Amino acid sequence: MSNPRLAFAGPNALLLERGNAIRRGGPDWWRARVIRFAVHVHPGSRQRRVGGSYDGALSVHVTSRALEGAATRETLAVLADAFDVRPGVVHFVRGVRSRTKLITIEGDDGQLQRRLDELLGETNG
């Protein structure tokens, strides 16, 4: 091999960059274990609740007001509880200062997707 960073050639080339493997193609178990979805946050609600949808985004109700990031921090905690994951695996991709946010959660993507589908199917009330 002429390029030391190229582990093997072809469409399933595995590139090594700074010690990290970057996959192109390959088996399914190499896929990132992460789901990405939109949430719409309702700050100042009477109770904490996750379920239903608002304009196609998962509806998240938090009791904190949207002051100094309190509702944002509570949103991460409520989502971690709803998906039964550690708070450290729930991340904002964008929309930290917006009511509509893009979220990623690391974990078993199949299980997380099933839980997301359950929560989106719940009715508000």
Protein backbone atom coordinates (compact mmCIF):
# COMPACT_ATOMS: atom_id res chain seq x y z
CA MET A 1 0.00 0.00 0.00
CA SER A 2 1.38 3.35 -0.98
CA ASN A 3 -0.69 5.38 1.49
CA PRO A 4 -0.06 4.34 5.13
CA ARG A 5 -3.39 5.85 6.20
CA LEU A 6 -5.38 3.61 3.86
CA ALA A 7 -6.00 0.24 5.54
CA PHE A 8 -7.55 -1.36 2.44
CA ALA A 9 -8.74 -0.12 -0.91
CA GLY A 10 -12.13 -0.10 -2.60
CA PRO A 11 -15.59 1.14 -1.63
CA ASN A 12 -15.21 -0.16 1.93
CA ALA A 13 -12.02 1.77 2.57
CA LEU A 14 -11.15 2.29 6.20
CA LEU A 15 -9.18 5.49 6.67
CA LEU A 16 -7.10 6.06 9.78
CA GLU A 17 -6.85 9.69 10.78
CA ARG A 18 -5.06 10.68 13.99
CA GLY A 19 -5.68 7.26 15.49
CA ASN A 20 -9.44 7.40 14.88
CA ALA A 21 -11.11 5.07 12.43
CA ILE A 22 -13.34 6.73 9.86
CA ARG A 23 -15.56 4.18 8.15
CA ARG A 24 -16.83 4.27 4.60
CA GLY A 25 -19.17 1.34 4.06
CA GLY A 26 -18.60 -1.83 6.04
CA PRO A 27 -20.79 -3.95 8.30
CA ASP A 28 -23.91 -2.63 10.03
CA TRP A 29 -22.41 -3.02 13.51
CA TRP A 30 -19.90 -0.29 12.63
CA ARG A 31 -22.65 2.30 12.28
CA ALA A 32 -22.78 5.10 14.80
CA ARG A 33 -25.04 4.22 17.71
CA VAL A 34 -26.90 7.50 17.76
CA ILE A 35 -30.34 8.86 16.92
CA ARG A 36 -31.09 12.44 15.90
CA PHE A 37 -34.48 14.10 16.18
CA ALA A 38 -36.20 17.44 16.75
CA VAL A 39 -37.91 18.47 19.98
CA HIS A 40 -40.18 21.40 20.74
CA VAL A 41 -39.76 22.64 24.32
CA HIS A 42 -42.65 24.11 26.31
CA PRO A 43 -40.99 25.99 29.23
CA GLY A 44 -42.98 26.99 32.31
CA SER A 45 -45.33 24.00 32.15
CA ARG A 46 -47.10 22.71 35.24
CA GLN A 47 -45.37 19.34 35.05
CA ARG A 48 -42.46 17.65 33.32
CA ARG A 49 -43.68 15.54 30.43
CA VAL A 50 -42.40 14.06 27.19
CA GLY A 51 -44.79 12.83 24.55
CA GLY A 52 -46.82 13.76 21.54
CA SER A 53 -45.70 15.95 18.71
CA TYR A 54 -45.70 19.62 17.80
CA ASP A 55 -45.13 20.35 14.10
CA GLY A 56 -43.51 16.92 13.73
CA ALA A 57 -41.10 17.42 16.65
CA LEU A 58 -41.24 15.52 19.95
CA SER A 59 -43.04 17.67 22.53
CA VAL A 60 -41.14 18.23 25.80
CA HIS A 61 -42.76 20.08 28.70
CA VAL A 62 -40.47 21.43 31.45
CA THR A 63 -41.34 23.37 34.59
CA SER A 64 -38.38 25.75 34.40
CA ARG A 65 -38.73 29.12 32.72
CA ALA A 66 -36.58 30.00 29.71
CA LEU A 67 -34.21 32.11 31.81
CA GLU A 68 -30.43 31.68 31.93
CA GLY A 69 -30.62 28.23 30.33
CA ALA A 70 -32.70 26.62 33.08
CA ALA A 71 -35.26 25.17 30.65
CA THR A 72 -32.47 23.96 28.38
CA ARG A 73 -30.73 22.09 31.20
CA GLU A 74 -34.03 20.59 32.36
CA THR A 75 -34.80 19.50 28.78
CA LEU A 76 -31.65 17.36 28.71
CA ALA A 77 -32.52 15.79 32.07
CA VAL A 78 -36.15 15.09 31.08
CA LEU A 79 -35.07 13.47 27.80
CA ALA A 80 -32.49 11.32 29.59
CA ASP A 81 -35.23 10.09 31.96
CA ALA A 82 -37.70 9.47 29.11
CA PHE A 83 -35.18 7.43 27.10
CA ASP A 84 -33.68 5.75 30.21
CA VAL A 85 -30.13 6.84 29.39
CA ARG A 86 -27.41 8.73 31.23
CA PRO A 87 -27.69 12.53 30.93
CA GLY A 88 -24.20 12.65 29.44
CA VAL A 89 -25.29 10.91 26.22
CA VAL A 90 -28.00 13.47 25.37
CA HIS A 91 -26.65 16.40 23.32
CA PHE A 92 -27.91 19.48 21.52
CA VAL A 93 -26.89 19.72 17.88
CA ARG A 94 -28.52 23.11 17.37
CA GLY A 95 -31.23 25.34 18.78
CA VAL A 96 -29.92 25.84 22.31
CA ARG A 97 -31.66 29.23 22.51
CA SER A 98 -34.71 28.20 20.49
CA ARG A 99 -37.84 26.30 21.48
CA THR A 100 -37.25 23.89 18.60
CA LYS A 101 -34.01 21.98 19.11
CA LEU A 102 -32.15 19.22 17.31
CA ILE A 103 -31.08 16.48 19.73
CA THR A 104 -28.80 13.45 19.51
CA ILE A 105 -28.80 10.55 21.94
CA GLU A 106 -26.05 7.94 21.97
CA GLY A 107 -26.94 4.31 22.63
CA ASP A 108 -28.67 1.34 21.04
CA ASP A 109 -30.17 3.10 18.04
CA GLY A 110 -32.87 0.46 17.50
CA GLN A 111 -34.10 0.64 21.08
CA LEU A 112 -33.90 4.45 21.12
CA GLN A 113 -35.84 4.69 17.85
CA ARG A 114 -38.59 2.42 19.22
CA ARG A 115 -38.86 4.60 22.33
CA LEU A 116 -38.97 7.77 20.19
CA ASP A 117 -41.79 6.26 18.12
CA GLU A 118 -43.70 5.43 21.33
CA LEU A 119 -43.29 8.96 22.66
CA LEU A 120 -44.30 10.58 19.38
CA GLY A 121 -47.42 8.41 19.30
CA GLU A 122 -48.60 9.56 22.73
CA THR A 123 -51.39 12.12 22.84
CA ASN A 124 -51.00 15.38 24.71
CA GLY A 125 -53.30 15.72 27.63
